[in-house]
Amino acid sequence: MKKNKVLLPVIFIILFSTQNNFSQDSIAVKIYDNLLHKYVVNGLVDYENLTKDKSLEKYIETISKFDPTTLTNKNDKLAFWINAYNAYTLKVILDSYPISSINDLHFGGRIIGHILKTTVWDKEFVIINNKKITLNHIEHDIIRPKFKDPRIHFALVCGAMSCPPLRNEAYTGNKLDAQLNDQGKSFFANQFHNSFDEKNHVVHLSKILDWYGDDFGDSNAQILSRIKSFLPERIAESINDNIIKWQIDFKSYDWDLNKIK
């Protein structure tokens, strides 16, 4: 009887600790982390082989039953939601793979789908804490308003080539700031996503910064000031010295699937 009395508190502590460290220490996150290490290379996904692996299903099954409000640390919460968004995006692609673009999954196509709100981002296929929600709900009703961190736009991945590259590790609360900063620097260092014309003082930015302009600033100067810490040093110095001279041009968006060729 004495041994049982000792064991019960120990078991409770272990379960409580596991639950509250879900976004950085749980078995589920390690499964997701291993999956990303295995199937993501330079931001691109090996969907063909990922379709044969059940690891994503195991991770999603766990988060579908998990209550993120039990997480007490803000970074743990944000890491959880970023991972959930990206994992469910992988799922919706895999469920219909092979496809050439995530836009193939919208009822009515990309433009009509957005008008009618019939895109995959509007579909209630995401389950968290046994409740059905949408990817749009995660991004626009949870992540953006509650965390107010524009760096999330360098981490949330929609499955397109022009999206930020999918990180090949899970986001975790204890490393989140470093991970988001690294995502920002990698995103702006890649000329496919963002490029810089020093001679004419033009920054060719990802369309993401146009769509989510409110998260970065109300003017060219504000946007450039907000992102300059992520830019190559020479460009950042030039913008800092002559910010009024620099103009912004937004690139067209490549919706091709972010798959390994």
Protein backbone atom coordinates (compact mmCIF):
# COMPACT_ATOMS: atom_id res chain seq x y z
CA MET A 1 0.00 0.00 0.00
CA LYS A 2 2.83 2.41 0.84
CA LYS A 3 4.44 1.86 -2.56
CA ASN A 4 1.15 2.67 -4.33
CA LYS A 5 0.78 5.86 -2.32
CA VAL A 6 4.25 6.92 -3.45
CA LEU A 7 3.73 5.95 -7.07
CA LEU A 8 0.46 7.82 -7.62
CA PRO A 9 1.92 11.32 -7.08
CA VAL A 10 4.93 10.41 -9.23
CA ILE A 11 2.69 9.26 -12.07
CA PHE A 12 0.60 12.43 -11.78
CA ILE A 13 3.72 14.61 -11.93
CA ILE A 14 5.01 12.78 -15.01
CA LEU A 15 1.67 13.10 -16.83
CA PHE A 16 1.28 16.75 -15.87
CA SER A 17 4.83 17.56 -16.95
CA THR A 18 4.39 15.79 -20.29
CA GLN A 19 1.15 17.62 -21.00
CA ASN A 20 2.48 21.07 -20.18
CA ASN A 21 5.68 20.55 -22.17
CA PHE A 22 3.78 19.22 -25.19
CA SER A 23 5.25 21.64 -27.66
CA GLN A 24 8.85 20.87 -26.87
CA ASP A 25 9.30 17.57 -25.05
CA SER A 26 6.42 15.24 -25.86
CA ILE A 27 6.72 12.01 -27.78
CA ALA A 28 4.28 13.38 -30.36
CA VAL A 29 6.46 16.39 -31.14
CA LYS A 30 9.51 14.15 -31.44
CA ILE A 31 7.61 12.03 -33.96
CA TYR A 32 6.76 15.16 -35.97
CA ASP A 33 10.33 16.45 -35.66
CA ASN A 34 11.75 13.16 -36.97
CA LEU A 35 9.28 13.22 -39.85
CA LEU A 36 10.40 16.71 -40.89
CA HIS A 37 14.06 15.72 -40.66
CA LYS A 38 13.37 12.74 -42.91
CA TYR A 39 11.10 14.20 -45.59
CA VAL A 40 11.96 17.92 -45.82
CA VAL A 41 15.07 19.00 -47.72
CA ASN A 42 15.88 22.68 -48.28
CA GLY A 43 12.28 23.57 -47.53
CA LEU A 44 10.84 21.12 -50.07
CA VAL A 45 8.82 18.04 -49.19
CA ASP A 46 9.22 14.44 -50.34
CA TYR A 47 5.46 13.90 -50.55
CA GLU A 48 5.77 10.66 -52.49
CA ASN A 49 7.57 8.85 -49.69
CA LEU A 50 5.72 10.70 -46.95
CA THR A 51 2.47 9.16 -48.22
CA LYS A 52 3.87 5.76 -47.20
CA ASP A 53 4.71 6.85 -43.66
CA LYS A 54 2.16 6.82 -40.81
CA SER A 55 4.11 9.22 -38.58
CA LEU A 56 2.09 12.28 -39.56
CA GLU A 57 -1.14 10.45 -38.74
CA LYS A 58 0.20 9.61 -35.27
CA TYR A 59 1.13 13.23 -34.59
CA ILE A 60 -2.18 14.57 -35.84
CA GLU A 61 -4.11 11.99 -33.82
CA THR A 62 -2.38 13.27 -30.69
CA ILE A 63 -2.89 16.99 -31.30
CA SER A 64 -6.51 16.38 -32.28
CA LYS A 65 -7.15 15.35 -28.67
CA PHE A 66 -4.85 17.85 -26.98
CA ASP A 67 -6.06 21.01 -25.24
CA PRO A 68 -3.51 23.77 -26.00
CA THR A 69 -4.93 25.98 -23.25
CA THR A 70 -3.13 23.71 -20.80
CA LEU A 71 0.14 25.16 -22.07
CA THR A 72 1.19 27.97 -19.76
CA ASN A 73 4.15 29.34 -21.69
CA LYS A 74 3.41 31.75 -24.56
CA ASN A 75 6.19 30.40 -26.78
CA ASP A 76 5.02 26.83 -26.19
CA LYS A 77 1.53 27.84 -27.30
CA LEU A 78 2.73 29.60 -30.45
CA ALA A 79 5.02 26.71 -31.35
CA PHE A 80 2.09 24.32 -30.92
CA TRP A 81 -0.14 26.29 -33.28
CA ILE A 82 2.56 26.75 -35.95
CA ASN A 83 3.28 23.02 -35.90
CA ALA A 84 -0.44 22.22 -36.04
CA TYR A 85 -1.01 24.53 -39.01
CA ASN A 86 1.89 23.10 -41.00
CA ALA A 87 1.07 19.49 -40.09
CA TYR A 88 -2.56 19.79 -41.17
CA THR A 89 -1.43 21.48 -44.39
CA LEU A 90 0.74 18.45 -45.08
CA LYS A 91 -2.22 16.22 -44.30
CA VAL A 92 -4.66 17.91 -46.68
CA ILE A 93 -2.09 17.67 -49.48
CA LEU A 94 -1.26 14.04 -48.75
CA ASP A 95 -4.94 13.09 -48.64
CA SER A 96 -5.25 14.03 -52.33
CA TYR A 97 -1.69 13.46 -53.53
CA PRO A 98 -0.51 13.56 -56.30
CA ILE A 99 -1.50 17.14 -57.07
CA SER A 100 0.37 19.96 -58.80
CA SER A 101 -0.83 22.75 -56.48
CA ILE A 102 -2.79 23.16 -53.27
CA ASN A 103 -5.14 25.31 -55.38
CA ASP A 104 -6.29 22.08 -57.04
CA LEU A 105 -8.06 21.28 -53.78
CA HIS A 106 -10.30 24.37 -53.69
CA PHE A 107 -13.90 24.02 -54.81
CA GLY A 108 -14.17 26.40 -57.77
CA GLY A 109 -10.42 27.04 -57.98
CA ARG A 110 -8.31 29.68 -56.24
CA ILE A 111 -10.20 32.88 -57.12
CA ILE A 112 -13.77 31.56 -56.91
CA GLY A 113 -12.80 29.50 -53.88
CA HIS A 114 -11.69 32.63 -52.04
CA ILE A 115 -14.86 34.48 -52.99
CA LEU A 116 -17.14 31.61 -51.94
CA LYS A 117 -14.91 30.64 -49.00
CA THR A 118 -14.58 27.09 -50.28
CA THR A 119 -10.80 26.79 -50.17
CA VAL A 120 -8.98 24.18 -48.11
CA TRP A 121 -8.21 26.98 -45.66
CA ASP A 122 -11.96 27.39 -45.09
CA LYS A 123 -12.60 23.66 -44.67
CA GLU A 124 -13.28 22.36 -41.14
CA PHE A 125 -10.97 19.37 -41.35
CA VAL A 126 -8.60 20.49 -38.58
CA ILE A 127 -9.32 18.91 -35.20
CA ILE A 128 -7.78 20.32 -32.03
CA ASN A 129 -9.01 19.36 -28.56
CA ASN A 130 -11.75 17.28 -30.26
CA LYS A 131 -13.16 20.39 -31.96
CA LYS A 132 -13.31 21.02 -35.72
CA ILE A 133 -11.76 24.27 -36.93
CA THR A 134 -10.16 25.61 -40.11
CA LEU A 135 -6.63 26.56 -41.07
CA ASN A 136 -7.89 30.12 -41.46
CA HIS A 137 -9.14 30.02 -37.88
CA ILE A 138 -5.70 29.00 -36.64
CA GLU A 139 -3.95 31.77 -38.59
CA HIS A 140 -6.41 34.67 -38.43
CA ASP A 141 -8.30 34.06 -35.17
CA ILE A 142 -5.55 32.57 -33.01
CA ILE A 143 -1.98 33.14 -34.18
CA ARG A 144 -2.15 36.64 -35.68
CA PRO A 145 -4.38 38.42 -33.13
CA LYS A 146 -3.22 36.62 -29.99
CA PHE A 147 0.54 36.57 -30.58
CA LYS A 148 1.01 39.65 -32.80
CA ASP A 149 4.36 38.45 -34.14
CA PRO A 150 4.89 39.10 -37.88
CA ARG A 151 7.66 36.50 -37.90
CA ILE A 152 4.99 33.82 -38.07
CA HIS A 153 4.63 34.65 -41.77
CA PHE A 154 8.10 33.18 -42.27
CA ALA A 155 7.02 29.94 -40.56
CA LEU A 156 3.46 29.13 -41.70
CA VAL A 157 3.61 27.14 -44.91
CA CYS A 158 0.76 26.79 -47.43
CA GLY A 159 2.37 24.12 -49.59
CA ALA A 160 3.39 26.45 -52.43
CA MET A 161 6.82 27.22 -53.86
CA SER A 162 6.47 30.91 -52.93
CA CYS A 163 5.65 30.06 -49.33
CA PRO A 164 8.49 30.32 -46.84
CA PRO A 165 10.45 27.05 -46.88
CA LEU A 166 9.11 24.41 -44.52
CA ARG A 167 11.57 24.04 -41.66
CA ASN A 168 12.96 20.52 -41.28
CA GLU A 169 12.40 20.48 -37.54
CA ALA A 170 9.45 21.07 -35.25
CA TYR A 171 9.04 24.44 -33.60
CA THR A 172 9.54 24.31 -29.85
CA GLY A 173 8.95 26.89 -27.16
CA ASN A 174 12.50 26.86 -25.85
CA LYS A 175 13.97 27.55 -29.31
CA LEU A 176 11.13 29.51 -30.90
CA ASP A 177 12.74 32.97 -31.04
CA ALA A 178 15.91 31.60 -32.62
CA GLN A 179 13.90 29.48 -35.05
CA LEU A 180 11.69 32.37 -36.19
CA ASN A 181 14.66 34.70 -36.59
CA ASP A 182 16.47 32.06 -38.61
CA GLN A 183 13.39 31.54 -40.78
CA GLY A 184 13.27 35.27 -41.47
CA LYS A 185 16.92 35.47 -42.45
CA SER A 186 16.67 32.40 -44.68
CA PHE A 187 13.51 33.71 -46.32
CA PHE A 188 15.02 37.07 -47.22
CA ALA A 189 18.36 35.61 -48.25
CA ASN A 190 16.66 33.47 -50.91
CA GLN A 191 16.41 35.48 -54.14
CA PHE A 192 13.50 33.36 -55.34
CA HIS A 193 11.40 34.78 -52.51
CA ASN A 194 12.96 38.25 -52.13
CA SER A 195 15.58 40.13 -54.13
CA PHE A 196 17.24 43.54 -53.99
CA ASP A 197 18.16 45.98 -56.73
CA GLU A 198 20.81 48.12 -55.02
CA LYS A 199 21.45 50.31 -58.05
CA ASN A 200 17.82 51.43 -58.38
CA HIS A 201 16.96 51.07 -54.69
CA VAL A 202 14.11 48.62 -55.25
CA VAL A 203 13.24 45.75 -52.94
CA HIS A 204 11.39 42.93 -54.68
CA LEU A 205 9.45 41.38 -51.81
CA SER A 206 7.32 38.30 -51.45
CA LYS A 207 3.62 38.82 -52.04
CA ILE A 208 3.14 37.67 -48.45
CA LEU A 209 4.24 41.09 -47.22
CA ASP A 210 1.61 42.65 -49.45
CA TRP A 211 -1.20 40.36 -48.31
CA TYR A 212 -0.27 40.84 -44.66
CA GLY A 213 0.93 44.43 -44.89
CA ASP A 214 -0.89 45.42 -41.71
CA ASP A 215 1.33 43.05 -39.76
CA PHE A 216 4.48 44.75 -41.04
CA GLY A 217 3.55 48.43 -41.33
CA ASP A 218 1.41 51.06 -43.05
CA SER A 219 4.08 52.38 -45.42
CA ASN A 220 7.15 51.30 -47.36
CA ALA A 221 9.38 52.83 -44.71
CA GLN A 222 7.62 50.97 -41.89
CA ILE A 223 7.77 47.64 -43.72
CA LEU A 224 11.47 48.08 -44.53
CA SER A 225 12.22 49.11 -40.95
CA ARG A 226 10.41 46.04 -39.65
CA ILE A 227 12.24 43.56 -41.88
CA LYS A 228 15.72 45.11 -42.11
CA SER A 229 17.10 42.98 -39.25
CA PHE A 230 16.51 39.91 -41.44
CA LEU A 231 18.14 41.32 -44.57
CA PRO A 232 21.71 40.80 -45.79
CA GLU A 233 23.95 43.23 -43.91
CA ARG A 234 24.89 45.41 -46.89
CA ILE A 235 21.25 45.85 -47.93
CA ALA A 236 20.15 46.56 -44.37
CA GLU A 237 22.80 49.28 -44.01
CA SER A 238 21.79 50.91 -47.29
CA ILE A 239 18.12 50.91 -46.31
CA ASN A 240 18.96 52.29 -42.90
CA ASP A 241 20.99 55.13 -44.43
CA ASN A 242 18.58 55.95 -47.29
CA ILE A 243 15.23 54.45 -46.37
CA ILE A 244 13.23 57.12 -48.22
CA LYS A 245 14.98 56.26 -51.51
CA TRP A 246 14.03 52.59 -51.38
CA GLN A 247 10.83 51.41 -53.05
CA ILE A 248 8.97 48.11 -52.77
CA ASP A 249 7.81 45.93 -55.64
CA PHE A 250 5.88 42.74 -54.81
CA LYS A 251 6.70 39.57 -56.68
CA SER A 252 4.13 37.32 -58.33
CA TYR A 253 3.27 34.18 -56.35
CA ASP A 254 4.25 30.71 -57.52
CA TRP A 255 1.52 28.27 -56.41
CA ASP A 256 3.27 25.13 -57.67
CA LEU A 257 3.49 22.45 -54.99
CA ASN A 258 6.58 22.69 -52.76
CA LYS A 259 7.66 19.16 -53.59
CA ILE A 260 11.08 17.68 -54.18
CA LYS A 261 11.35 17.28 -57.94
